[in-house]
């Protein structure tokens, strides 16, 4: 007869190696392993990669770390059920923990796919396939009891045995020696049917495991996440005047990714809508020279793009045997290269990042959301849910992540081992009647991976249905001016335009109420070659120049007046 012993595999004990970052995780809970099986790789601050291997044969019981986790000090990372003889009367002496083997590069090529990199960002290179040199020291492992693991905070695999219950069909109480009378008058034993308890997921994406993930090195809540390349929104204008907006991400100069449920348009057959208009809207900061050969953002000023779409494609049936989360919006004309296109990554249960970043877009407060996101823990939405590659995984955002309650919907990003974050799905919040707000997120399935890859290559997978729309944006004669005021009091903006000779000038003043975003009703026709714009009373700052008008000097940000270009200025509340 055999019994299982739970043994822990620890990170290195040498404090000089820390902090460490978990690279690729090569096993999942329940996987059988042999002595020498690669469990995961660890990266040192100096760039060295440590290969962490199993010192014994058994089955993975607990993964207490995942790809991207930061380790500030030594701790157990994996627990393995080792099958041993049950007749042993005494426990052997604990043996030293295995030490990962250092190597100059990543240990082995990961089985999990690398993310698709943004078009205007460095490509996230897949880890090298070079194998590490094996250490001459044989890895050893420390024996540990279940109680010690529980005390250390590591989740245990639940033993889901069916429990027996007594039948309650009869109203007659009986003693243990009595037998109820049956219809035939003979005694019969009371049946004890077995009832299988609902299975509870306890793998890497369970609440218990994800709560243990170390995020101390990165922190949660509002955090810098850089400008989200290609991030924007889809605006749908219906013929009856109704308007809907959905979070969206530009993945190529032709296609924009949205959820298939955007504006409740989830179609199952081809359709054409005359008078409907679909528009992709996005913005990026206006930049100026930093005086050192580089560029810097001009705070409060944004270049806005609004691009008409001609169609929207849905996949109502499985792709590669999986259901899809996303639909693709096809643009009527190529998106400008200045916008850039986003990379994406479909992570799996095998290597879930320790936290996710919720992103949003706001034309009222662009600066608040363009550079930052909200980092939160996450896990499977229900204890009974098991992740599968055939459906987009539905996740629950940690309800203790208070900052997430400020957001209602948007895009989801996760960190990869290259230090960058990548587009991986969408989130939304709901508040059931009489209950607290719940934030859920859906991430990509195998189908979404195929659809996004097809959009990148302009070769969509078959099986889609198309909504064709006829509405388009009207062409403008000059630059459009969008003003936003996130402050609690009224703000005033000044615009001065001039012709080519600089002799003819005209000034506009525009007052904007608090909490408002509005297109300025000023007509910059082609006779004005350039203009300057800023909040009234602004001082000299990066990107401004002094413009004189009727004896007064104004510090304005200069622009060329171009058709079908829009500039947004946001008021400073200081």
Protein backbone atom coordinates (compact mmCIF):
# COMPACT_ATOMS: atom_id res chain seq x y z
CA UNK A 1 0.00 0.00 0.00
CA UNK A 2 1.24 3.48 -0.78
CA UNK A 3 0.63 6.90 0.74
CA UNK A 4 1.36 10.44 -0.39
CA UNK A 5 3.76 12.81 1.31
CA UNK A 6 3.58 16.48 0.53
CA UNK A 7 7.01 18.00 -0.02
CA UNK A 8 7.93 21.60 -0.74
CA UNK A 9 10.36 22.97 -3.29
CA UNK A 10 11.89 26.26 -2.18
CA UNK A 11 13.43 29.22 -3.94
CA UNK A 12 17.18 29.75 -3.35
CA UNK A 13 18.16 30.52 0.24
CA UNK A 14 21.00 32.84 -0.77
CA UNK A 15 19.76 36.34 0.13
CA UNK A 16 22.26 37.87 -2.30
CA UNK A 17 20.22 36.55 -5.24
CA UNK A 18 17.12 38.52 -4.27
CA UNK A 19 14.97 40.11 -5.50
CA UNK A 20 13.99 37.38 -7.96
CA UNK A 21 11.26 37.30 -10.57
CA UNK A 22 9.41 34.18 -11.67
CA UNK A 23 9.94 33.68 -15.39
CA UNK A 24 8.07 30.82 -17.06
CA UNK A 25 6.06 28.21 -15.14
CA UNK A 26 6.29 24.87 -16.94
CA UNK A 27 3.84 22.78 -14.92
CA UNK A 28 0.31 23.09 -13.63
CA UNK A 29 -1.52 21.67 -10.63
CA UNK A 30 -2.12 17.93 -11.01
CA UNK A 31 0.72 17.37 -13.50
CA UNK A 32 2.85 14.25 -12.90
CA UNK A 33 6.57 15.02 -12.69
CA UNK A 34 9.78 13.02 -12.62
CA UNK A 35 13.02 13.85 -10.88
CA UNK A 36 14.66 16.54 -12.99
CA UNK A 37 11.44 17.88 -14.54
CA UNK A 38 11.70 21.64 -15.10
CA UNK A 39 9.17 23.34 -12.81
CA UNK A 40 9.85 27.02 -13.45
CA UNK A 41 12.58 29.53 -14.16
CA UNK A 42 13.64 32.41 -11.93
CA UNK A 43 15.39 35.60 -13.03
CA UNK A 44 17.89 37.51 -10.92
CA UNK A 45 18.30 41.28 -10.90
CA UNK A 46 21.51 40.85 -12.90
CA UNK A 47 19.70 39.00 -15.68
CA UNK A 48 20.76 35.44 -14.85
CA UNK A 49 18.17 32.69 -15.17
CA UNK A 50 17.83 29.92 -12.58
CA UNK A 51 16.25 26.61 -13.56
CA UNK A 52 14.10 25.17 -10.77
CA UNK A 53 13.67 21.39 -11.22
CA UNK A 54 11.78 18.71 -9.35
CA UNK A 55 14.02 16.63 -7.07
CA UNK A 56 11.62 13.67 -7.06
CA UNK A 57 8.80 11.93 -8.86
CA UNK A 58 5.25 12.78 -7.86
CA UNK A 59 2.32 15.03 -8.70
CA UNK A 60 2.09 18.82 -8.46
CA UNK A 61 -0.18 19.67 -5.52
CA UNK A 62 0.25 23.44 -5.16
CA UNK A 63 1.81 26.19 -7.27
CA UNK A 64 2.38 29.10 -4.91
CA UNK A 65 3.89 31.41 -7.55
CA UNK A 66 3.22 32.32 -11.16
CA UNK A 67 4.90 34.03 -14.10
CA UNK A 68 5.83 37.62 -13.30
CA UNK A 69 5.76 37.25 -9.51
CA UNK A 70 8.46 39.12 -7.61
CA UNK A 71 10.18 37.35 -4.71
CA UNK A 72 11.69 39.54 -2.02
CA UNK A 73 12.91 36.66 0.17
CA UNK A 74 13.16 32.84 0.14
CA UNK A 75 9.91 30.86 0.28
CA UNK A 76 8.27 27.65 -0.93
CA UNK A 77 7.13 27.90 -4.54
CA UNK A 78 5.88 24.39 -5.36
CA UNK A 79 4.42 21.53 -3.30
CA UNK A 80 4.64 17.97 -4.69
CA UNK A 81 2.79 14.85 -3.58
CA UNK A 82 5.42 12.11 -3.42
CA UNK A 83 4.22 8.51 -3.34
CA UNK A 84 6.12 6.60 -0.66
CA UNK A 85 5.74 3.34 1.25
CA UNK A 86 3.03 3.70 3.89
CA UNK A 87 4.65 1.24 6.35
CA UNK A 88 7.46 3.56 7.36
CA UNK A 89 7.31 4.04 11.14
CA UNK A 90 9.51 7.09 11.40
CA UNK A 91 9.87 10.20 9.28
CA UNK A 92 13.30 10.58 7.64
CA UNK A 93 15.49 13.52 8.50
CA UNK A 94 14.68 16.65 6.47
CA UNK A 95 16.96 17.12 3.49
CA UNK A 96 18.23 20.44 2.11
CA UNK A 97 15.92 22.27 -0.28
CA UNK A 98 16.79 22.09 -3.98
CA UNK A 99 18.68 25.07 -5.33
CA UNK A 100 17.79 26.24 -8.86
CA UNK A 101 20.65 25.91 -11.29
CA UNK A 102 21.99 29.25 -12.64
CA UNK A 103 22.47 29.63 -16.37
CA UNK A 104 23.34 32.61 -18.56
CA UNK A 105 19.99 32.53 -20.38
CA UNK A 106 16.44 31.21 -20.03
CA UNK A 107 16.34 27.53 -19.25
CA UNK A 108 13.96 26.13 -21.83
CA UNK A 109 11.54 27.50 -24.37
CA UNK A 110 8.19 28.04 -22.63
CA UNK A 111 5.14 26.09 -23.62
CA UNK A 112 3.00 29.18 -23.04
CA UNK A 113 2.92 31.55 -26.00
CA UNK A 114 4.67 34.90 -25.90
CA UNK A 115 2.57 38.03 -26.35
CA UNK A 116 2.15 39.79 -29.64
CA UNK A 117 4.04 43.07 -29.25
CA UNK A 118 2.64 46.54 -30.02
CA UNK A 119 3.45 47.77 -33.51
CA UNK A 120 5.29 50.84 -32.25
CA UNK A 121 6.98 49.22 -29.26
CA UNK A 122 9.94 46.81 -28.96
CA UNK A 123 8.93 43.25 -29.74
CA UNK A 124 8.67 40.96 -26.72
CA UNK A 125 11.14 38.26 -27.65
CA UNK A 126 10.26 34.69 -26.78
CA UNK A 127 12.65 33.15 -24.26
CA UNK A 128 15.59 31.32 -25.75
CA UNK A 129 15.52 27.56 -26.20
CA UNK A 130 19.01 27.22 -24.77
CA UNK A 131 19.12 24.63 -22.00
CA UNK A 132 20.99 25.32 -18.75
CA UNK A 133 24.01 23.41 -17.62
CA UNK A 134 23.06 20.87 -15.00
CA UNK A 135 24.48 21.39 -11.54
CA UNK A 136 26.83 18.71 -10.22
CA UNK A 137 25.00 18.89 -6.90
CA UNK A 138 21.96 16.67 -6.73
CA UNK A 139 18.88 18.73 -5.78
CA UNK A 140 17.34 17.70 -2.49
CA UNK A 141 14.03 18.60 -0.85
CA UNK A 142 12.87 19.26 2.68
CA UNK A 143 10.11 17.09 4.10
CA UNK A 144 7.22 19.07 5.58
CA UNK A 145 3.95 18.19 7.21
CA UNK A 146 0.53 19.34 6.01
CA UNK A 147 0.16 21.43 9.15
CA UNK A 148 3.39 23.28 8.45
CA UNK A 149 2.26 24.10 4.92
CA UNK A 150 -1.09 25.36 6.15
CA UNK A 151 0.65 27.51 8.75
CA UNK A 152 2.86 28.97 6.02
CA UNK A 153 -0.24 30.01 4.10
CA UNK A 154 -0.08 27.61 1.16
CA UNK A 155 -3.36 26.21 -0.16
CA UNK A 156 -3.94 22.46 -0.02
CA UNK A 157 -5.73 20.36 -2.58
CA UNK A 158 -9.25 19.69 -1.36
CA UNK A 159 -10.20 16.03 -0.90
CA UNK A 160 -13.61 15.90 -2.59
CA UNK A 161 -14.95 12.64 -1.20
CA UNK A 162 -18.70 12.02 -1.55
CA UNK A 163 -20.33 12.07 1.86
CA UNK A 164 -23.13 9.74 2.87
CA UNK A 165 -26.46 11.02 4.17
CA UNK A 166 -29.52 9.25 5.55
CA UNK A 167 -32.72 9.24 3.57
CA UNK A 168 -35.31 11.73 4.83
CA UNK A 169 -38.16 10.38 2.72
CA UNK A 170 -39.88 8.69 5.70
CA UNK A 171 -41.52 10.71 8.45
CA UNK A 172 -41.15 7.79 10.87
CA UNK A 173 -38.25 8.10 13.30
CA UNK A 174 -36.39 4.84 13.81
CA UNK A 175 -33.76 3.68 16.21
CA UNK A 176 -30.54 2.14 14.86
CA UNK A 177 -32.02 -1.36 15.43
CA UNK A 178 -35.43 -0.68 13.88
CA UNK A 179 -36.34 -1.15 10.25
CA UNK A 180 -39.25 0.67 8.64
CA UNK A 181 -42.05 -1.46 7.24
CA UNK A 182 -42.23 -1.62 3.49
CA UNK A 183 -45.32 -2.08 1.34
CA UNK A 184 -44.78 -5.84 1.40
CA UNK A 185 -44.67 -5.90 5.17
CA UNK A 186 -41.05 -6.98 5.36
CA UNK A 187 -38.28 -5.01 6.92
CA UNK A 188 -35.73 -3.23 4.73
CA UNK A 189 -32.63 -1.23 5.58
CA UNK A 190 -32.80 2.54 5.14
CA UNK A 191 -30.97 3.53 1.96
CA UNK A 192 -27.96 5.78 2.26
CA UNK A 193 -27.49 7.31 -1.16
CA UNK A 194 -24.15 8.99 -1.82
CA UNK A 195 -24.35 12.64 -2.84
CA UNK A 196 -21.41 14.11 -4.73
CA UNK A 197 -20.51 17.54 -3.45
CA UNK A 198 -20.00 20.21 -6.13
CA UNK A 199 -16.40 20.25 -7.25
CA UNK A 200 -14.44 23.30 -6.20
CA UNK A 201 -11.63 24.59 -8.38
CA UNK A 202 -8.37 24.88 -6.45
CA UNK A 203 -5.85 25.37 -9.25
CA UNK A 204 -3.54 28.29 -10.09
CA UNK A 205 -6.46 30.64 -10.89
CA UNK A 206 -8.41 29.89 -7.71
CA UNK A 207 -8.98 32.60 -5.13
CA UNK A 208 -6.87 30.81 -2.51
CA UNK A 209 -3.82 30.54 -4.77
CA UNK A 210 -4.08 33.99 -6.37
CA UNK A 211 -4.44 35.62 -2.93
CA UNK A 212 -1.04 34.19 -2.01
CA UNK A 213 0.77 35.67 -5.01
CA UNK A 214 3.48 38.13 -4.05
CA UNK A 215 2.79 41.61 -5.46
CA UNK A 216 4.83 43.58 -2.92
CA UNK A 217 7.41 44.62 -5.51
CA UNK A 218 4.83 46.15 -7.85
CA UNK A 219 1.98 47.27 -5.62
CA UNK A 220 -1.73 47.43 -6.38
CA UNK A 221 -4.23 50.24 -6.91
CA UNK A 222 -3.51 53.22 -9.18
CA UNK A 223 -0.16 52.72 -10.89
CA UNK A 224 1.82 54.02 -13.85
CA UNK A 225 1.24 51.82 -16.89
CA UNK A 226 2.49 54.02 -19.73
CA UNK A 227 0.49 55.15 -22.72
CA UNK A 228 -1.70 52.29 -23.96
CA UNK A 229 -0.83 52.05 -27.66
CA UNK A 230 -3.95 51.75 -29.82
CA UNK A 231 -6.35 52.17 -26.88
CA UNK A 232 -9.61 53.91 -27.76
CA UNK A 233 -13.35 53.44 -28.06
CA UNK A 234 -15.95 52.54 -30.64
CA UNK A 235 -18.92 54.87 -30.97
CA UNK A 236 -22.08 53.45 -32.56
CA UNK A 237 -24.69 55.95 -33.78
CA UNK A 238 -28.02 54.31 -34.60
CA UNK A 239 -30.47 55.73 -37.18
CA UNK A 240 -33.00 56.44 -34.40
CA UNK A 241 -30.57 58.76 -32.60
CA UNK A 242 -29.38 56.28 -29.95
CA UNK A 243 -25.64 56.26 -29.27
CA UNK A 244 -23.51 53.58 -27.58
CA UNK A 245 -19.79 53.48 -26.77
CA UNK A 246 -17.53 50.48 -26.14
CA UNK A 247 -13.90 50.09 -25.11
CA UNK A 248 -11.76 49.21 -28.13
CA UNK A 249 -8.16 48.47 -29.12
CA UNK A 250 -6.57 49.06 -32.53
CA UNK A 251 -4.64 45.89 -33.44
CA UNK A 252 -3.63 46.86 -37.00
CA UNK A 253 -4.15 49.80 -39.34
CA UNK A 254 -7.36 48.12 -40.51
CA UNK A 255 -8.99 46.34 -37.56
CA UNK A 256 -10.16 47.32 -34.08
CA UNK A 257 -10.95 44.73 -31.38
CA UNK A 258 -14.12 45.09 -29.27
CA UNK A 259 -16.28 42.64 -27.35
CA UNK A 260 -18.82 40.82 -29.51
CA UNK A 261 -21.51 42.27 -27.23
CA UNK A 262 -20.59 45.89 -28.04
CA UNK A 263 -23.78 47.99 -28.34
CA UNK A 264 -25.77 44.71 -28.24
CA UNK A 265 -24.85 44.06 -31.87
CA UNK A 266 -23.91 40.39 -31.42
CA UNK A 267 -25.12 39.16 -34.83
CA UNK A 268 -25.56 35.60 -36.04
CA UNK A 269 -26.13 36.38 -39.73
CA UNK A 270 -25.04 38.96 -42.28
CA UNK A 271 -26.77 42.33 -42.05
CA UNK A 272 -26.64 45.82 -43.57
CA UNK A 273 -27.67 48.95 -41.70
CA UNK A 274 -28.22 52.11 -43.74
CA UNK A 275 -27.83 55.23 -41.66
CA UNK A 276 -25.85 53.52 -38.88
CA UNK A 277 -22.44 55.02 -38.18
CA UNK A 278 -19.53 53.30 -36.38
CA UNK A 279 -16.49 55.41 -35.44
CA UNK A 280 -13.18 54.57 -33.79
CA UNK A 281 -12.02 57.38 -31.47
CA UNK A 282 -8.66 57.67 -29.76
CA UNK A 283 -6.10 60.23 -28.63
CA UNK A 284 -2.42 60.55 -27.86
CA UNK A 285 -0.47 63.39 -26.22
CA UNK A 286 0.89 66.24 -28.31
CA UNK A 287 4.68 66.30 -28.02
CA UNK A 288 7.49 68.81 -28.39
CA UNK A 289 11.28 68.71 -28.36
CA UNK A 290 12.88 68.18 -24.96
CA UNK A 291 16.03 70.04 -26.04
CA UNK A 292 18.15 66.89 -25.83
CA UNK A 293 17.23 65.25 -29.10
CA UNK A 294 14.12 63.55 -27.70
CA UNK A 295 10.43 64.34 -27.30
CA UNK A 296 8.28 65.21 -24.30
CA UNK A 297 4.52 65.42 -23.81
CA UNK A 298 2.82 68.80 -23.65
CA UNK A 299 0.57 68.30 -20.66
CA UNK A 300 -3.06 69.08 -21.30
CA UNK A 301 -2.92 68.77 -25.11
CA UNK A 302 -3.97 65.75 -27.14
CA UNK A 303 -4.14 64.76 -30.78
CA UNK A 304 -7.56 63.23 -31.44
CA UNK A 305 -8.39 60.77 -34.24
CA UNK A 306 -11.92 59.86 -35.33
CA UNK A 307 -12.00 57.21 -38.07
CA UNK A 308 -15.14 55.87 -39.75
CA UNK A 309 -15.70 52.12 -39.94
CA UNK A 310 -17.31 50.24 -42.83
CA UNK A 311 -18.15 46.93 -41.14
CA UNK A 312 -18.10 44.82 -38.00
CA UNK A 313 -17.29 41.09 -38.07
CA UNK A 314 -18.60 38.48 -35.60
CA UNK A 315 -17.82 34.77 -35.14
CA UNK A 316 -21.08 33.17 -33.92
CA UNK A 317 -19.70 29.62 -34.19
CA UNK A 318 -16.54 28.14 -32.63
CA UNK A 319 -13.14 28.95 -34.08
CA UNK A 320 -10.48 26.28 -33.50
CA UNK A 321 -13.05 24.52 -31.31
CA UNK A 322 -13.49 27.52 -28.98
CA UNK A 323 -16.01 30.30 -28.44
CA UNK A 324 -14.88 33.88 -29.03
CA UNK A 325 -15.03 36.98 -26.84
CA UNK A 326 -14.21 39.60 -29.44
CA UNK A 327 -15.49 41.03 -32.70
CA UNK A 328 -13.43 43.06 -35.18
CA UNK A 329 -14.43 46.48 -36.48
CA UNK A 330 -13.10 47.12 -39.99
CA UNK A 331 -12.06 50.71 -40.68
CA UNK A 332 -13.15 52.46 -43.88
CA UNK A 333 -9.61 53.79 -44.36
CA UNK A 334 -6.23 52.83 -42.86
CA UNK A 335 -5.51 54.21 -39.41
CA UNK A 336 -2.62 56.72 -39.28
CA UNK A 337 0.69 55.22 -38.20
CA UNK A 338 0.96 57.82 -35.40
CA UNK A 339 -1.72 55.94 -33.43
CA UNK A 340 0.22 52.68 -33.39
CA UNK A 341 -1.35 49.27 -32.84
CA UNK A 342 -1.49 47.22 -29.65
CA UNK A 343 0.09 43.89 -28.87
CA UNK A 344 -1.90 41.16 -27.10
CA UNK A 345 -1.34 38.04 -25.02
CA UNK A 346 -3.63 35.11 -24.23
CA UNK A 347 -2.38 33.80 -20.91
CA UNK A 348 -3.45 30.39 -19.66
CA UNK A 349 -4.01 28.65 -16.34
CA UNK A 350 -0.45 27.41 -16.54
CA UNK A 351 1.16 30.83 -16.13
CA UNK A 352 -1.35 33.41 -14.87
CA UNK A 353 0.16 36.82 -14.07
CA UNK A 354 -0.11 37.80 -10.38
CA UNK A 355 -2.34 40.81 -11.06
CA UNK A 356 -4.25 42.53 -13.85
CA UNK A 357 -4.43 46.21 -14.78
CA UNK A 358 -7.80 47.81 -15.51
CA UNK A 359 -7.57 50.57 -18.11
CA UNK A 360 -10.08 53.18 -19.18
CA UNK A 361 -10.32 56.14 -21.54
CA UNK A 362 -11.89 59.50 -20.80
CA UNK A 363 -12.18 62.61 -22.94
CA UNK A 364 -13.02 64.57 -19.78
CA UNK A 365 -9.93 63.47 -17.81
CA UNK A 366 -7.55 62.11 -20.45
CA UNK A 367 -4.39 62.53 -18.38
CA UNK A 368 -5.76 60.54 -15.45
CA UNK A 369 -6.42 57.45 -17.56
CA UNK A 370 -3.89 57.63 -20.40
CA UNK A 371 -0.80 57.11 -18.27
CA UNK A 372 -2.22 54.99 -15.45
CA UNK A 373 -4.36 51.99 -14.66
CA UNK A 374 -5.65 50.17 -11.59
CA UNK A 375 -3.74 47.03 -10.57
CA UNK A 376 -5.87 44.37 -8.85
CA UNK A 377 -5.72 40.72 -7.94
CA UNK A 378 -8.15 38.42 -9.73
CA UNK A 379 -9.35 34.80 -9.84
CA UNK A 380 -12.01 32.59 -11.41
CA UNK A 381 -15.43 34.20 -11.05
CA UNK A 382 -16.98 31.29 -9.11
CA UNK A 383 -15.41 28.55 -6.95
CA UNK A 384 -17.12 25.97 -9.17
CA UNK A 385 -15.73 27.47 -12.41
CA UNK A 386 -12.83 25.66 -14.05
CA UNK A 387 -10.71 27.40 -16.72
CA UNK A 388 -10.93 25.90 -20.19
CA UNK A 389 -9.41 26.77 -23.55
CA UNK A 390 -12.78 26.39 -25.29
CA UNK A 391 -14.39 29.44 -23.65
CA UNK A 392 -13.14 32.90 -22.70
CA UNK A 393 -12.30 32.59 -18.97
CA UNK A 394 -14.54 34.74 -16.76
CA UNK A 395 -12.60 36.28 -13.87
CA UNK A 396 -13.59 38.10 -10.69
CA UNK A 397 -11.63 41.23 -9.83
CA UNK A 398 -10.70 41.30 -6.14
CA UNK A 399 -13.57 43.11 -4.34
CA UNK A 400 -10.99 44.54 -1.92
CA UNK A 401 -9.42 46.49 -4.80
CA UNK A 402 -11.13 49.75 -3.86
CA UNK A 403 -9.75 51.79 -6.77
CA UNK A 404 -11.47 49.48 -9.27
CA UNK A 405 -14.82 50.71 -7.99
CA UNK A 406 -14.16 54.03 -9.76
CA UNK A 407 -14.30 52.24 -13.12
CA UNK A 408 -17.31 50.80 -14.92
CA UNK A 409 -15.86 49.16 -18.04
CA UNK A 410 -12.73 49.10 -20.15
CA UNK A 411 -9.80 47.01 -21.28
CA UNK A 412 -7.64 44.57 -19.31
CA UNK A 413 -3.85 44.34 -19.42
CA UNK A 414 -1.47 41.94 -17.68
CA UNK A 415 2.29 41.98 -17.10
CA UNK A 416 4.55 39.67 -19.06
CA UNK A 417 8.03 38.51 -18.09
CA UNK A 418 9.65 41.14 -20.35
CA UNK A 419 8.41 43.83 -17.96
CA UNK A 420 5.73 45.16 -20.34
CA UNK A 421 1.96 44.86 -20.03
CA UNK A 422 -0.25 43.51 -22.82
CA UNK A 423 -3.89 43.65 -23.88
CA UNK A 424 -5.63 40.47 -22.73
CA UNK A 425 -9.38 41.15 -22.52
CA UNK A 426 -12.16 43.41 -21.24
CA UNK A 427 -13.76 44.12 -17.86
CA UNK A 428 -17.13 45.45 -16.75
CA UNK A 429 -18.81 46.28 -13.45
CA UNK A 430 -22.32 45.49 -12.31
CA UNK A 431 -24.25 46.25 -9.15
CA UNK A 432 -27.00 43.71 -8.39
CA UNK A 433 -29.94 45.27 -6.59
CA UNK A 434 -29.16 45.74 -2.92
CA UNK A 435 -25.60 44.39 -3.30
CA UNK A 436 -22.11 45.80 -3.66
CA UNK A 437 -20.50 46.44 -7.03
CA UNK A 438 -18.95 43.39 -8.70
CA UNK A 439 -16.24 43.75 -11.35
CA UNK A 440 -15.80 40.86 -13.78
CA UNK A 441 -13.33 40.40 -16.62
CA UNK A 442 -13.25 38.13 -19.65
CA UNK A 443 -9.94 37.14 -21.23
CA UNK A 444 -9.06 35.62 -24.58
CA UNK A 445 -9.82 32.07 -25.65
CA UNK A 446 -8.08 30.09 -28.40
CA UNK A 447 -10.64 31.51 -30.81
CA UNK A 448 -9.74 35.08 -29.87
CA UNK A 449 -6.06 34.31 -30.34
CA UNK A 450 -6.80 33.13 -33.88
CA UNK A 451 -9.04 36.13 -34.63
CA UNK A 452 -6.55 38.69 -33.32
CA UNK A 453 -3.68 37.03 -35.17
CA UNK A 454 -5.79 37.01 -38.33
CA UNK A 455 -6.54 40.70 -37.89
CA UNK A 456 -2.84 41.44 -37.53
CA UNK A 457 -2.08 39.56 -40.75
CA UNK A 458 -5.19 40.78 -42.61
CA UNK A 459 -6.28 37.16 -42.97
CA UNK A 460 -9.39 36.62 -40.85
CA UNK A 461 -10.36 33.06 -39.86
CA UNK A 462 -13.46 31.80 -41.70
CA UNK A 463 -16.95 31.54 -40.25
CA UNK A 464 -17.64 35.21 -39.54
CA UNK A 465 -20.79 37.19 -40.28
CA UNK A 466 -20.64 40.87 -41.18
CA UNK A 467 -22.62 43.96 -40.23
CA UNK A 468 -22.12 46.52 -43.02
CA UNK A 469 -22.81 50.19 -42.23
CA UNK A 470 -23.15 53.13 -44.61
CA UNK A 471 -22.73 56.13 -42.28
CA UNK A 472 -19.49 58.13 -42.41
CA UNK A 473 -18.09 61.18 -40.64
CA UNK A 474 -18.35 64.47 -42.50
CA UNK A 475 -15.09 65.94 -43.75
CA UNK A 476 -14.01 69.10 -41.93
CA UNK A 477 -12.50 72.20 -43.56
CA UNK A 478 -10.00 72.78 -40.77
CA UNK A 479 -8.79 71.57 -37.41
CA UNK A 480 -11.49 70.56 -34.96
CA UNK A 481 -11.11 71.90 -31.41
CA UNK A 482 -12.30 69.78 -28.48
CA UNK A 483 -12.20 71.32 -25.00
CA UNK A 484 -12.60 69.53 -21.66
CA UNK A 485 -12.93 70.88 -18.13
CA UNK A 486 -12.60 68.30 -15.32
CA UNK A 487 -12.47 71.08 -12.70
CA UNK A 488 -15.17 72.14 -10.25
CA UNK A 489 -15.40 75.69 -11.60
CA UNK A 490 -15.65 77.34 -15.02
CA UNK A 491 -12.52 77.60 -17.19
CA UNK A 492 -11.72 79.85 -20.17
CA UNK A 493 -9.67 79.01 -23.27
CA UNK A 494 -8.08 81.36 -25.80
CA UNK A 495 -7.45 80.61 -29.50
CA UNK A 496 -5.68 82.99 -31.89
CA UNK A 497 -5.51 82.09 -35.60
CA UNK A 498 -3.46 83.80 -38.32
CA UNK A 499 -3.05 83.61 -42.08
CA UNK A 500 0.17 82.82 -43.94
CA UNK A 501 1.38 86.43 -43.79
CA UNK A 502 0.72 86.63 -40.02
CA UNK A 503 -0.96 90.00 -40.68
CA UNK A 504 -4.55 88.80 -40.41
CA UNK A 505 -5.37 87.42 -36.98
CA UNK A 506 -8.53 86.51 -35.18
CA UNK A 507 -9.17 85.65 -31.53
CA UNK A 508 -11.77 83.35 -30.00
CA UNK A 509 -12.56 83.01 -26.30
CA UNK A 510 -14.46 80.00 -25.08
CA UNK A 511 -15.89 79.46 -21.59
CA UNK A 512 -16.54 75.90 -20.49
CA UNK A 513 -18.64 74.88 -17.52
CA UNK A 514 -17.21 72.46 -14.92
CA UNK A 515 -17.30 68.74 -15.70
CA UNK A 516 -17.98 69.32 -19.40
CA UNK A 517 -16.45 68.25 -22.71
CA UNK A 518 -17.48 70.15 -25.83
CA UNK A 519 -16.46 70.75 -29.42
CA UNK A 520 -15.76 74.48 -29.82
CA UNK A 521 -18.13 76.22 -32.22
CA UNK A 522 -15.34 78.08 -33.99
CA UNK A 523 -14.73 77.74 -37.70
CA UNK A 524 -11.08 77.47 -38.70
CA UNK A 525 -11.38 77.59 -42.47
CA UNK A 526 -8.52 77.27 -44.93
CA UNK A 527 -7.58 80.98 -44.93
CA UNK A 528 -6.04 80.49 -41.48
CA UNK A 529 -2.74 78.67 -41.81
CA UNK A 530 -1.95 78.25 -38.11
CA UNK A 531 -3.31 78.90 -34.65
CA UNK A 532 -2.32 78.92 -30.99
CA UNK A 533 -4.45 77.49 -28.16
CA UNK A 534 -4.26 77.38 -24.37
CA UNK A 535 -6.14 77.98 -21.17
CA UNK A 536 -6.51 81.70 -20.46
CA UNK A 537 -3.82 83.06 -18.14
CA UNK A 538 -1.37 80.19 -18.74
CA UNK A 539 2.28 80.85 -17.99
CA UNK A 540 5.22 79.97 -20.23
CA UNK A 541 5.88 76.22 -20.32
CA UNK A 542 7.29 73.49 -22.56
CA UNK A 543 5.71 73.61 -26.01
CA UNK A 544 4.26 77.14 -25.76
CA UNK A 545 5.23 80.27 -27.62
CA UNK A 546 4.32 83.89 -26.96
CA UNK A 547 1.72 85.28 -29.37
CA UNK A 548 0.79 88.96 -29.36
CA UNK A 549 -2.72 90.12 -30.17
CA UNK A 550 -4.05 93.69 -29.78
CA UNK A 551 -1.40 94.68 -27.29
CA UNK A 552 -1.69 91.59 -25.08
CA UNK A 553 0.67 88.61 -24.89
CA UNK A 554 -0.58 85.03 -24.65
CA UNK A 555 1.39 81.82 -24.01
CA UNK A 556 -0.20 79.43 -26.51
CA UNK A 557 0.65 76.03 -27.98
CA UNK A 558 1.08 76.47 -31.78
CA UNK A 559 -0.53 74.17 -34.38
CA UNK A 560 -0.89 74.04 -38.16
CA UNK A 561 -4.48 74.24 -39.36
CA UNK A 562 -5.19 70.98 -41.21
CA UNK A 563 -8.40 69.44 -42.47
CA UNK A 564 -9.69 66.32 -40.71
CA UNK A 565 -7.39 66.87 -37.72
CA UNK A 566 -8.63 67.46 -34.16
CA UNK A 567 -6.86 68.86 -31.11
CA UNK A 568 -8.12 68.49 -27.54
CA UNK A 569 -7.15 70.90 -24.76
CA UNK A 570 -7.86 69.96 -21.14
CA UNK A 571 -8.13 72.58 -18.41
CA UNK A 572 -5.68 72.59 -15.53
CA UNK A 573 -7.43 72.64 -12.16
CA UNK A 574 -4.45 74.02 -10.19
